[in-house]
Amino acid sequence: MANLMCVCFVLLSIIVVVSGDACEGDRQDMIRECGQYQKWPAEPKLDPSNACCAVWQKADIPCLCARVTKDIEKRWCMDKVAYVANFCKKPFTHGYKCGSYTFPSLVQ
């Protein structure tokens, strides 16, 4: 029984580490491919590259949003993040919370 518990603990630890690494990989990809389209100032909004959209399509957005802090919001313009998400056909739903930012309705 002790061996089984030990094996379960090791497997659970691996799962947590792997899922954390995936989110960190998404974060690095987002910075590299989309950073220039999502930084302040709020204008102009530029259409993102195909590589940026590919990152958006595969990224674990709930994991990334859970890591958004006030400091990150000072570097990333959340209006531009919404613009890129919409352009890349993976928009945020109305009321979705990312860090302290709540995304408004898409209709303007």
PDB file of N, CA and C in Angstrom:
ATOM      1  N   MET A   1       0.823  -1.199   0.000  1.00  0.00           N
ATOM      2  CA  MET A   1       0.000   0.000   0.000  1.00  0.00           C
ATOM      3  C   MET A   1       0.871   1.269   0.000  1.00  0.00           C
ATOM      4  N   ALA A   2       1.934   1.252   0.751  1.00  0.00           N
ATOM      5  CA  ALA A   2       2.825   2.411   0.804  1.00  0.00           C
ATOM      6  C   ALA A   2       3.456   2.649  -0.568  1.00  0.00           C
ATOM      7  N   ASN A   3       3.800   1.557  -1.273  1.00  0.00           N
ATOM      8  CA  ASN A   3       4.377   1.697  -2.609  1.00  0.00           C
ATOM      9  C   ASN A   3       3.374   2.324  -3.576  1.00  0.00           C
ATOM     10  N   LEU A   4       2.125   1.898  -3.472  1.00  0.00           N
ATOM     11  CA  LEU A   4       1.083   2.444  -4.337  1.00  0.00           C
ATOM     12  C   LEU A   4       0.895   3.944  -4.084  1.00  0.00           C
ATOM     13  N   MET A   5       0.897   4.348  -2.827  1.00  0.00           N
ATOM     14  CA  MET A   5       0.770   5.766  -2.484  1.00  0.00           C
ATOM     15  C   MET A   5       1.956   6.562  -3.026  1.00  0.00           C
ATOM     16  N   CYS A   6       3.126   5.975  -2.936  1.00  0.00           N
ATOM     17  CA  CYS A   6       4.332   6.639  -3.426  1.00  0.00           C
ATOM     18  C   CYS A   6       4.257   6.827  -4.949  1.00  0.00           C
ATOM     19  N   VAL A   7       3.822   5.792  -5.658  1.00  0.00           N
ATOM     20  CA  VAL A   7       3.678   5.862  -7.107  1.00  0.00           C
ATOM     21  C   VAL A   7       2.645   6.919  -7.481  1.00  0.00           C
ATOM     22  N   CYS A   8       1.517   6.953  -6.776  1.00  0.00           N
ATOM     23  CA  CYS A   8       0.472   7.947  -7.046  1.00  0.00           C
ATOM     24  C   CYS A   8       1.000   9.359  -6.819  1.00  0.00           C
ATOM     25  N   PHE A   9       1.763   9.555  -5.766  1.00  0.00           N
ATOM     26  CA  PHE A   9       2.326  10.872  -5.485  1.00  0.00           C
ATOM     27  C   PHE A   9       3.285  11.304  -6.589  1.00  0.00           C
ATOM     28  N   VAL A  10       4.126  10.397  -7.042  1.00  0.00           N
ATOM     29  CA  VAL A  10       5.072  10.710  -8.112  1.00  0.00           C
ATOM     30  C   VAL A  10       4.330  11.064  -9.400  1.00  0.00           C
ATOM     31  N   LEU A  11       3.318  10.284  -9.760  1.00  0.00           N
ATOM     32  CA  LEU A  11       2.539  10.552 -10.974  1.00  0.00           C
ATOM     33  C   LEU A  11       1.825  11.905 -10.886  1.00  0.00           C
ATOM     34  N   LEU A  12       1.249  12.188  -9.740  1.00  0.00           N
ATOM     35  CA  LEU A  12       0.567  13.468  -9.557  1.00  0.00           C
ATOM     36  C   LEU A  12       1.557  14.620  -9.654  1.00  0.00           C
ATOM     37  N   SER A  13       2.723  14.465  -9.098  1.00  0.00           N
ATOM     38  CA  SER A  13       3.761  15.500  -9.175  1.00  0.00           C
ATOM     39  C   SER A  13       4.175  15.751 -10.616  1.00  0.00           C
ATOM     40  N   ILE A  14       4.324  14.689 -11.388  1.00  0.00           N
ATOM     41  CA  ILE A  14       4.705  14.820 -12.796  1.00  0.00           C
ATOM     42  C   ILE A  14       3.626  15.559 -13.573  1.00  0.00           C
ATOM     43  N   ILE A  15       2.375  15.227 -13.324  1.00  0.00           N
ATOM     44  CA  ILE A  15       1.257  15.875 -14.019  1.00  0.00           C
ATOM     45  C   ILE A  15       1.242  17.368 -13.716  1.00  0.00           C
ATOM     46  N   VAL A  16       1.431  17.741 -12.460  1.00  0.00           N
ATOM     47  CA  VAL A  16       1.425  19.154 -12.078  1.00  0.00           C
ATOM     48  C   VAL A  16       2.578  19.885 -12.741  1.00  0.00           C
ATOM     49  N   VAL A  17       3.764  19.299 -12.738  1.00  0.00           N
ATOM     50  CA  VAL A  17       4.935  19.939 -13.348  1.00  0.00           C
ATOM     51  C   VAL A  17       4.754  20.086 -14.847  1.00  0.00           C
ATOM     52  N   VAL A  18       4.272  19.043 -15.522  1.00  0.00           N
ATOM     53  CA  VAL A  18       4.078  19.093 -16.966  1.00  0.00           C
ATOM     54  C   VAL A  18       3.036  20.135 -17.337  1.00  0.00           C
ATOM     55  N   SER A  19       1.919  20.203 -16.609  1.00  0.00           N
ATOM     56  CA  SER A  19       0.898  21.186 -16.943  1.00  0.00           C
ATOM     57  C   SER A  19       1.406  22.602 -16.679  1.00  0.00           C
ATOM     58  N   GLY A  20       2.186  22.803 -15.640  1.00  0.00           N
ATOM     59  CA  GLY A  20       2.784  24.102 -15.368  1.00  0.00           C
ATOM     60  C   GLY A  20       3.759  24.497 -16.457  1.00  0.00           C
ATOM     61  N   ASP A  21       4.539  23.552 -16.945  1.00  0.00           N
ATOM     62  CA  ASP A  21       5.494  23.824 -18.017  1.00  0.00           C
ATOM     63  C   ASP A  21       4.777  24.211 -19.303  1.00  0.00           C
ATOM     64  N   ALA A  22       3.630  23.573 -19.569  1.00  0.00           N
ATOM     65  CA  ALA A  22       2.866  23.891 -20.776  1.00  0.00           C
ATOM     66  C   ALA A  22       2.393  25.334 -20.730  1.00  0.00           C
ATOM     67  N   CYS A  23       1.929  25.774 -19.579  1.00  0.00           N
ATOM     68  CA  CYS A  23       1.468  27.158 -19.436  1.00  0.00           C
ATOM     69  C   CYS A  23       2.647  28.117 -19.583  1.00  0.00           C
ATOM     70  N   GLU A  24       3.782  27.779 -19.025  1.00  0.00           N
ATOM     71  CA  GLU A  24       4.965  28.630 -19.164  1.00  0.00           C
ATOM     72  C   GLU A  24       5.408  28.693 -20.622  1.00  0.00           C
ATOM     73  N   GLY A  25       5.310  27.570 -21.328  1.00  0.00           N
ATOM     74  CA  GLY A  25       5.628  27.552 -22.752  1.00  0.00           C
ATOM     75  C   GLY A  25       4.685  28.448 -23.538  1.00  0.00           C
ATOM     76  N   ASP A  26       3.400  28.396 -23.213  1.00  0.00           N
ATOM     77  CA  ASP A  26       2.421  29.277 -23.859  1.00  0.00           C
ATOM     78  C   ASP A  26       2.751  30.740 -23.574  1.00  0.00           C
ATOM     79  N   ARG A  27       3.140  31.033 -22.339  1.00  0.00           N
ATOM     80  CA  ARG A  27       3.478  32.406 -21.961  1.00  0.00           C
ATOM     81  C   ARG A  27       4.668  32.908 -22.774  1.00  0.00           C
ATOM     82  N   GLN A  28       5.691  32.082 -22.891  1.00  0.00           N
ATOM     83  CA  GLN A  28       6.877  32.468 -23.657  1.00  0.00           C
ATOM     84  C   GLN A  28       6.546  32.643 -25.142  1.00  0.00           C
ATOM     85  N   ASP A  29       5.737  31.725 -25.679  1.00  0.00           N
ATOM     86  CA  ASP A  29       5.310  31.838 -27.079  1.00  0.00           C
ATOM     87  C   ASP A  29       4.507  33.121 -27.304  1.00  0.00           C
ATOM     88  N   MET A  30       3.635  33.443 -26.354  1.00  0.00           N
ATOM     89  CA  MET A  30       2.799  34.636 -26.468  1.00  0.00           C
ATOM     90  C   MET A  30       3.676  35.887 -26.460  1.00  0.00           C
ATOM     91  N   ILE A  31       4.656  35.923 -25.578  1.00  0.00           N
ATOM     92  CA  ILE A  31       5.561  37.076 -25.523  1.00  0.00           C
ATOM     93  C   ILE A  31       6.327  37.204 -26.838  1.00  0.00           C
ATOM     94  N   ARG A  32       6.860  36.093 -27.318  1.00  0.00           N
ATOM     95  CA  ARG A  32       7.695  36.108 -28.520  1.00  0.00           C
ATOM     96  C   ARG A  32       6.900  36.464 -29.774  1.00  0.00           C
ATOM     97  N   GLU A  33       5.747  35.844 -29.962  1.00  0.00           N
ATOM     98  CA  GLU A  33       5.002  36.007 -31.217  1.00  0.00           C
ATOM     99  C   GLU A  33       3.966  37.126 -31.203  1.00  0.00           C
ATOM    100  N   CYS A  34       3.438  37.452 -30.029  1.00  0.00           N
ATOM    101  CA  CYS A  34       2.335  38.413 -29.968  1.00  0.00           C
ATOM    102  C   CYS A  34       2.659  39.685 -29.206  1.00  0.00           C
ATOM    103  N   GLY A  35       3.792  39.706 -28.542  1.00  0.00           N
ATOM    104  CA  GLY A  35       4.128  40.838 -27.687  1.00  0.00           C
ATOM    105  C   GLY A  35       4.004  42.185 -28.359  1.00  0.00           C
ATOM    106  N   GLN A  36       4.516  42.295 -29.560  1.00  0.00           N
ATOM    107  CA  GLN A  36       4.499  43.594 -30.239  1.00  0.00           C
ATOM    108  C   GLN A  36       3.090  44.089 -30.553  1.00  0.00           C
ATOM    109  N   TYR A  37       2.131  43.185 -30.597  1.00  0.00           N
ATOM    110  CA  TYR A  37       0.749  43.557 -30.934  1.00  0.00           C
ATOM    111  C   TYR A  37      -0.098  43.861 -29.697  1.00  0.00           C
ATOM    112  N   GLN A  38       0.424  43.566 -28.500  1.00  0.00           N
ATOM    113  CA  GLN A  38      -0.386  43.648 -27.288  1.00  0.00           C
ATOM    114  C   GLN A  38       0.161  44.616 -26.244  1.00  0.00           C
ATOM    115  N   LYS A  39       1.255  45.286 -26.556  1.00  0.00           N
ATOM    116  CA  LYS A  39       1.846  46.216 -25.588  1.00  0.00           C
ATOM    117  C   LYS A  39       1.211  47.594 -25.690  1.00  0.00           C
ATOM    118  N   TRP A  40       1.336  48.361 -24.602  1.00  0.00           N
ATOM    119  CA  TRP A  40       0.926  49.749 -24.604  1.00  0.00           C
ATOM    120  C   TRP A  40       1.777  50.526 -25.589  1.00  0.00           C
ATOM    121  N   PRO A  41       1.326  51.590 -26.180  1.00  0.00           N
ATOM    122  CA  PRO A  41       0.066  52.291 -25.966  1.00  0.00           C
ATOM    123  C   PRO A  41      -1.109  51.583 -26.645  1.00  0.00           C
ATOM    124  N   ALA A  42      -2.308  52.000 -26.261  1.00  0.00           N
ATOM    125  CA  ALA A  42      -3.526  51.349 -26.755  1.00  0.00           C
ATOM    126  C   ALA A  42      -3.718  51.501 -28.259  1.00  0.00           C
ATOM    127  N   GLU A  43      -3.178  52.534 -28.819  1.00  0.00           N
ATOM    128  CA  GLU A  43      -3.285  52.768 -30.268  1.00  0.00           C
ATOM    129  C   GLU A  43      -1.892  52.934 -30.846  1.00  0.00           C
ATOM    130  N   PRO A  44      -1.652  52.526 -32.025  1.00  0.00           N
ATOM    131  CA  PRO A  44      -2.576  51.877 -32.951  1.00  0.00           C
ATOM    132  C   PRO A  44      -2.687  50.378 -32.660  1.00  0.00           C
ATOM    133  N   LYS A  45      -3.803  49.818 -33.055  1.00  0.00           N
ATOM    134  CA  LYS A  45      -3.982  48.372 -32.981  1.00  0.00           C
ATOM    135  C   LYS A  45      -3.563  47.800 -34.338  1.00  0.00           C
ATOM    136  N   LEU A  46      -2.634  46.874 -34.305  1.00  0.00           N
ATOM    137  CA  LEU A  46      -2.118  46.264 -35.526  1.00  0.00           C
ATOM    138  C   LEU A  46      -2.623  44.840 -35.659  1.00  0.00           C
ATOM    139  N   ASP A  47      -2.932  44.430 -36.892  1.00  0.00           N
ATOM    140  CA  ASP A  47      -3.332  43.049 -37.120  1.00  0.00           C
ATOM    141  C   ASP A  47      -2.143  42.141 -36.811  1.00  0.00           C
ATOM    142  N   PRO A  48      -2.376  41.101 -35.997  1.00  0.00           N
ATOM    143  CA  PRO A  48      -1.276  40.217 -35.629  1.00  0.00           C
ATOM    144  C   PRO A  48      -0.847  39.309 -36.779  1.00  0.00           C
ATOM    145  N   SER A  49       0.344  38.766 -36.643  1.00  0.00           N
ATOM    146  CA  SER A  49       0.890  37.849 -37.646  1.00  0.00           C
ATOM    147  C   SER A  49       0.202  36.485 -37.568  1.00  0.00           C
ATOM    148  N   ASN A  50       0.415  35.676 -38.591  1.00  0.00           N
ATOM    149  CA  ASN A  50      -0.090  34.302 -38.580  1.00  0.00           C
ATOM    150  C   ASN A  50       0.522  33.514 -37.431  1.00  0.00           C
ATOM    151  N   ALA A  51       1.799  33.768 -37.137  1.00  0.00           N
ATOM    152  CA  ALA A  51       2.468  33.057 -36.036  1.00  0.00           C
ATOM    153  C   ALA A  51       1.828  33.409 -34.694  1.00  0.00           C
ATOM    154  N   CYS A  52       1.471  34.671 -34.524  1.00  0.00           N
ATOM    155  CA  CYS A  52       0.790  35.080 -33.297  1.00  0.00           C
ATOM    156  C   CYS A  52      -0.566  34.379 -33.193  1.00  0.00           C
ATOM    157  N   CYS A  53      -1.315  34.362 -34.270  1.00  0.00           N
ATOM    158  CA  CYS A  53      -2.625  33.693 -34.243  1.00  0.00           C
ATOM    159  C   CYS A  53      -2.490  32.198 -33.962  1.00  0.00           C
ATOM    160  N   ALA A  54      -1.440  31.584 -34.466  1.00  0.00           N
ATOM    161  CA  ALA A  54      -1.212  30.157 -34.185  1.00  0.00           C
ATOM    162  C   ALA A  54      -0.994  29.945 -32.691  1.00  0.00           C
ATOM    163  N   VAL A  55      -0.285  30.857 -32.050  1.00  0.00           N
ATOM    164  CA  VAL A  55      -0.080  30.778 -30.597  1.00  0.00           C
ATOM    165  C   VAL A  55      -1.422  30.925 -29.884  1.00  0.00           C
ATOM    166  N   TRP A  56      -2.233  31.895 -30.291  1.00  0.00           N
ATOM    167  CA  TRP A  56      -3.543  32.095 -29.679  1.00  0.00           C
ATOM    168  C   TRP A  56      -4.412  30.856 -29.804  1.00  0.00           C
ATOM    169  N   GLN A  57      -4.371  30.224 -30.955  1.00  0.00           N
ATOM    170  CA  GLN A  57      -5.226  29.057 -31.183  1.00  0.00           C
ATOM    171  C   GLN A  57      -4.879  27.886 -30.263  1.00  0.00           C
ATOM    172  N   LYS A  58      -3.629  27.740 -29.893  1.00  0.00           N
ATOM    173  CA  LYS A  58      -3.244  26.576 -29.084  1.00  0.00           C
ATOM    174  C   LYS A  58      -3.060  26.888 -27.604  1.00  0.00           C
ATOM    175  N   ALA A  59      -2.997  28.162 -27.248  1.00  0.00           N
ATOM    176  CA  ALA A  59      -2.671  28.557 -25.876  1.00  0.00           C
ATOM    177  C   ALA A  59      -3.769  28.185 -24.882  1.00  0.00           C
ATOM    178  N   ASP A  60      -3.339  27.872 -23.676  1.00  0.00           N
ATOM    179  CA  ASP A  60      -4.246  27.611 -22.557  1.00  0.00           C
ATOM    180  C   ASP A  60      -4.565  28.961 -21.912  1.00  0.00           C
ATOM    181  N   ILE A  61      -5.568  29.631 -22.437  1.00  0.00           N
ATOM    182  CA  ILE A  61      -5.891  30.995 -22.023  1.00  0.00           C
ATOM    183  C   ILE A  61      -6.283  31.063 -20.544  1.00  0.00           C
ATOM    184  N   PRO A  62      -7.103  30.150 -20.014  1.00  0.00           N
ATOM    185  CA  PRO A  62      -7.403  30.229 -18.574  1.00  0.00           C
ATOM    186  C   PRO A  62      -6.142  30.150 -17.709  1.00  0.00           C
ATOM    187  N   CYS A  63      -5.194  29.326 -18.089  1.00  0.00           N
ATOM    188  CA  CYS A  63      -3.942  29.232 -17.339  1.00  0.00           C
ATOM    189  C   CYS A  63      -3.167  30.541 -17.434  1.00  0.00           C
ATOM    190  N   LEU A  64      -3.073  31.095 -18.635  1.00  0.00           N
ATOM    191  CA  LEU A  64      -2.355  32.361 -18.806  1.00  0.00           C
ATOM    192  C   LEU A  64      -3.032  33.486 -18.032  1.00  0.00           C
ATOM    193  N   CYS A  65      -4.348  33.564 -18.102  1.00  0.00           N
ATOM    194  CA  CYS A  65      -5.075  34.634 -17.410  1.00  0.00           C
ATOM    195  C   CYS A  65      -4.929  34.527 -15.895  1.00  0.00           C
ATOM    196  N   ALA A  66      -4.821  33.321 -15.389  1.00  0.00           N
ATOM    197  CA  ALA A  66      -4.649  33.133 -13.947  1.00  0.00           C
ATOM    198  C   ALA A  66      -3.320  33.718 -13.475  1.00  0.00           C
ATOM    199  N   ARG A  67      -2.378  33.901 -14.390  1.00  0.00           N
ATOM    200  CA  ARG A  67      -1.052  34.422 -14.036  1.00  0.00           C
ATOM    201  C   ARG A  67      -0.897  35.917 -14.308  1.00  0.00           C
ATOM    202  N   VAL A  68      -1.954  36.550 -14.783  1.00  0.00           N
ATOM    203  CA  VAL A  68      -1.875  37.983 -15.083  1.00  0.00           C
ATOM    204  C   VAL A  68      -1.956  38.769 -13.774  1.00  0.00           C
ATOM    205  N   THR A  69      -0.930  39.588 -13.539  1.00  0.00           N
ATOM    206  CA  THR A  69      -0.852  40.418 -12.339  1.00  0.00           C
ATOM    207  C   THR A  69      -1.007  41.893 -12.728  1.00  0.00           C
ATOM    208  N   LYS A  70      -1.082  42.754 -11.723  1.00  0.00           N
ATOM    209  CA  LYS A  70      -1.145  44.203 -11.977  1.00  0.00           C
ATOM    210  C   LYS A  70       0.093  44.658 -12.749  1.00  0.00           C
ATOM    211  N   ASP A  71       1.266  44.108 -12.426  1.00  0.00           N
ATOM    212  CA  ASP A  71       2.493  44.463 -13.159  1.00  0.00           C
ATOM    213  C   ASP A  71       2.397  44.088 -14.629  1.00  0.00           C
ATOM    214  N   ILE A  72       1.853  42.914 -14.901  1.00  0.00           N
ATOM    215  CA  ILE A  72       1.696  42.482 -16.297  1.00  0.00           C
ATOM    216  C   ILE A  72       0.718  43.403 -17.011  1.00  0.00           C
ATOM    217  N   GLU A  73      -0.348  43.808 -16.331  1.00  0.00           N
ATOM    218  CA  GLU A  73      -1.331  44.710 -16.938  1.00  0.00           C
ATOM    219  C   GLU A  73      -0.741  46.090 -17.223  1.00  0.00           C
ATOM    220  N   LYS A  74       0.350  46.446 -16.571  1.00  0.00           N
ATOM    221  CA  LYS A  74       1.031  47.713 -16.867  1.00  0.00           C
ATOM    222  C   LYS A  74       1.840  47.604 -18.161  1.00  0.00           C
ATOM    223  N   ARG A  75       2.203  46.365 -18.546  1.00  0.00           N
ATOM    224  CA  ARG A  75       2.981  46.152 -19.771  1.00  0.00           C
ATOM    225  C   ARG A  75       2.110  45.770 -20.950  1.00  0.00           C
ATOM    226  N   TRP A  76       1.041  45.023 -20.685  1.00  0.00           N
ATOM    227  CA  TRP A  76       0.160  44.539 -21.751  1.00  0.00           C
ATOM    228  C   TRP A  76      -1.134  45.330 -21.742  1.00  0.00           C
ATOM    229  N   CYS A  77      -1.508  45.856 -22.877  1.00  0.00           N
ATOM    230  CA  CYS A  77      -2.767  46.582 -23.033  1.00  0.00           C
ATOM    231  C   CYS A  77      -3.874  45.556 -23.253  1.00  0.00           C
ATOM    232  N   MET A  78      -4.753  45.426 -22.285  1.00  0.00           N
ATOM    233  CA  MET A  78      -5.785  44.394 -22.374  1.00  0.00           C
ATOM    234  C   MET A  78      -6.764  44.664 -23.517  1.00  0.00           C
ATOM    235  N   ASP A  79      -6.956  45.923 -23.912  1.00  0.00           N
ATOM    236  CA  ASP A  79      -7.781  46.208 -25.093  1.00  0.00           C
ATOM    237  C   ASP A  79      -7.123  45.617 -26.344  1.00  0.00           C
ATOM    238  N   LYS A  80      -5.796  45.715 -26.411  1.00  0.00           N
ATOM    239  CA  LYS A  80      -5.083  45.121 -27.545  1.00  0.00           C
ATOM    240  C   LYS A  80      -5.103  43.602 -27.467  1.00  0.00           C
ATOM    241  N   VAL A  81      -5.032  43.050 -26.268  1.00  0.00           N
ATOM    242  CA  VAL A  81      -5.139  41.596 -26.103  1.00  0.00           C
ATOM    243  C   VAL A  81      -6.486  41.135 -26.659  1.00  0.00           C
ATOM    244  N   ALA A  82      -7.546  41.868 -26.327  1.00  0.00           N
ATOM    245  CA  ALA A  82      -8.880  41.527 -26.842  1.00  0.00           C
ATOM    246  C   ALA A  82      -8.919  41.640 -28.362  1.00  0.00           C
ATOM    247  N   TYR A  83      -8.293  42.686 -28.900  1.00  0.00           N
ATOM    248  CA  TYR A  83      -8.259  42.867 -30.353  1.00  0.00           C
ATOM    249  C   TYR A  83      -7.564  41.685 -31.032  1.00  0.00           C
ATOM    250  N   VAL A  84      -6.413  41.287 -30.499  1.00  0.00           N
ATOM    251  CA  VAL A  84      -5.672  40.160 -31.078  1.00  0.00           C
ATOM    252  C   VAL A  84      -6.489  38.877 -30.966  1.00  0.00           C
ATOM    253  N   ALA A  85      -7.100  38.654 -29.816  1.00  0.00           N
ATOM    254  CA  ALA A  85      -7.919  37.445 -29.628  1.00  0.00           C
ATOM    255  C   ALA A  85      -9.063  37.405 -30.645  1.00  0.00           C
ATOM    256  N   ASN A  86      -9.733  38.532 -30.851  1.00  0.00           N
ATOM    257  CA  ASN A  86     -10.825  38.596 -31.829  1.00  0.00           C
ATOM    258  C   ASN A  86     -10.305  38.365 -33.239  1.00  0.00           C
ATOM    259  N   PHE A  87      -9.209  39.029 -33.587  1.00  0.00           N
ATOM    260  CA  PHE A  87      -8.641  38.884 -34.923  1.00  0.00           C
ATOM    261  C   PHE A  87      -8.261  37.426 -35.198  1.00  0.00           C
ATOM    262  N   CYS A  88      -7.742  36.761 -34.175  1.00  0.00           N
ATOM    263  CA  CYS A  88      -7.281  35.373 -34.322  1.00  0.00           C
ATOM    264  C   CYS A  88      -8.405  34.351 -34.149  1.00  0.00           C
ATOM    265  N   LYS A  89      -9.627  34.851 -34.077  1.00  0.00           N
ATOM    266  CA  LYS A  89     -10.824  34.002 -34.016  1.00  0.00           C
ATOM    267  C   LYS A  89     -10.886  33.119 -32.770  1.00  0.00           C
ATOM    268  N   LYS A  90     -10.392  33.673 -31.661  1.00  0.00           N
ATOM    269  CA  LYS A  90     -10.524  33.013 -30.364  1.00  0.00           C
ATOM    270  C   LYS A  90     -10.826  34.102 -29.330  1.00  0.00           C
ATOM    271  N   PRO A  91     -11.995  34.771 -29.523  1.00  0.00           N
ATOM    272  CA  PRO A  91     -12.311  35.926 -28.675  1.00  0.00           C
ATOM    273  C   PRO A  91     -12.660  35.521 -27.243  1.00  0.00           C
ATOM    274  N   PHE A  92     -12.502  36.473 -26.357  1.00  0.00           N
ATOM    275  CA  PHE A  92     -12.938  36.298 -24.978  1.00  0.00           C
ATOM    276  C   PHE A  92     -14.444  36.523 -24.931  1.00  0.00           C
ATOM    277  N   THR A  93     -15.123  35.785 -24.094  1.00  0.00           N
ATOM    278  CA  THR A  93     -16.558  35.995 -23.920  1.00  0.00           C
ATOM    279  C   THR A  93     -16.772  37.213 -23.018  1.00  0.00           C
ATOM    280  N   HIS A  94     -17.923  37.861 -23.200  1.00  0.00           N
ATOM    281  CA  HIS A  94     -18.282  39.013 -22.376  1.00  0.00           C
ATOM    282  C   HIS A  94     -18.210  38.608 -20.906  1.00  0.00           C
ATOM    283  N   GLY A  95     -17.520  39.420 -20.119  1.00  0.00           N
ATOM    284  CA  GLY A  95     -17.434  39.168 -18.690  1.00  0.00           C
ATOM    285  C   GLY A  95     -16.280  38.272 -18.270  1.00  0.00           C
ATOM    286  N   TYR A  96     -15.515  37.739 -19.251  1.00  0.00           N
ATOM    287  CA  TYR A  96     -14.375  36.874 -18.914  1.00  0.00           C
ATOM    288  C   TYR A  96     -13.337  37.711 -18.180  1.00  0.00           C
ATOM    289  N   LYS A  97     -12.804  37.164 -17.100  1.00  0.00           N
ATOM    290  CA  LYS A  97     -11.843  37.880 -16.281  1.00  0.00           C
ATOM    291  C   LYS A  97     -10.443  37.331 -16.532  1.00  0.00           C
ATOM    292  N   CYS A  98      -9.528  38.255 -16.808  1.00  0.00           N
ATOM    293  CA  CYS A  98      -8.129  37.911 -17.051  1.00  0.00           C
ATOM    294  C   CYS A  98      -7.311  38.858 -16.183  1.00  0.00           C
ATOM    295  N   GLY A  99      -6.716  38.342 -15.109  1.00  0.00           N
ATOM    296  CA  GLY A  99      -6.107  39.218 -14.124  1.00  0.00           C
ATOM    297  C   GLY A  99      -7.216  40.017 -13.481  1.00  0.00           C
ATOM    298  N   SER A 100      -7.068  41.325 -13.400  1.00  0.00           N
ATOM    299  CA  SER A 100      -8.130  42.158 -12.827  1.00  0.00           C
ATOM    300  C   SER A 100      -9.026  42.738 -13.918  1.00  0.00           C
ATOM    301  N   TYR A 101      -8.714  42.447 -15.174  1.00  0.00           N
ATOM    302  CA  TYR A 101      -9.444  42.999 -16.314  1.00  0.00           C
ATOM    303  C   TYR A 101     -10.631  42.102 -16.658  1.00  0.00           C
ATOM    304  N   THR A 102     -11.795  42.720 -16.853  1.00  0.00           N
ATOM    305  CA  THR A 102     -12.982  41.993 -17.296  1.00  0.00           C
ATOM    306  C   THR A 102     -13.291  42.435 -18.704  1.00  0.00           C
ATOM    307  N   PHE A 103     -13.370  41.474 -19.622  1.00  0.00           N
ATOM    308  CA  PHE A 103     -13.580  41.793 -21.037  1.00  0.00           C
ATOM    309  C   PHE A 103     -15.012  42.236 -21.287  1.00  0.00           C
ATOM    310  N   PRO A 104     -15.168  43.369 -21.989  1.00  0.00           N
ATOM    311  CA  PRO A 104     -16.502  43.868 -22.320  1.00  0.00           C
ATOM    312  C   PRO A 104     -17.111  43.074 -23.485  1.00  0.00           C
ATOM    313  N   SER A 105     -18.330  43.418 -23.797  1.00  0.00           N
ATOM    314  CA  SER A 105     -19.016  42.812 -24.939  1.00  0.00           C
ATOM    315  C   SER A 105     -18.239  43.123 -26.232  1.00  0.00           C
ATOM    316  N   LEU A 106     -18.318  42.225 -27.206  1.00  0.00           N
ATOM    317  CA  LEU A 106     -17.671  42.439 -28.483  1.00  0.00           C
ATOM    318  C   LEU A 106     -18.358  43.511 -29.305  1.00  0.00           C
ATOM    319  N   VAL A 107     -19.662  43.727 -29.077  1.00  0.00           N
ATOM    320  CA  VAL A 107     -20.423  44.730 -29.824  1.00  0.00           C
ATOM    321  C   VAL A 107     -20.038  46.103 -29.294  1.00  0.00           C
ATOM    322  N   GLN A 108     -19.659  47.010 -30.226  1.00  0.00           N
ATOM    323  CA  GLN A 108     -19.244  48.342 -29.789  1.00  0.00           C
ATOM    324  C   GLN A 108     -20.022  49.406 -30.495  1.00  0.00           C
TER     325      GLN A 108
END
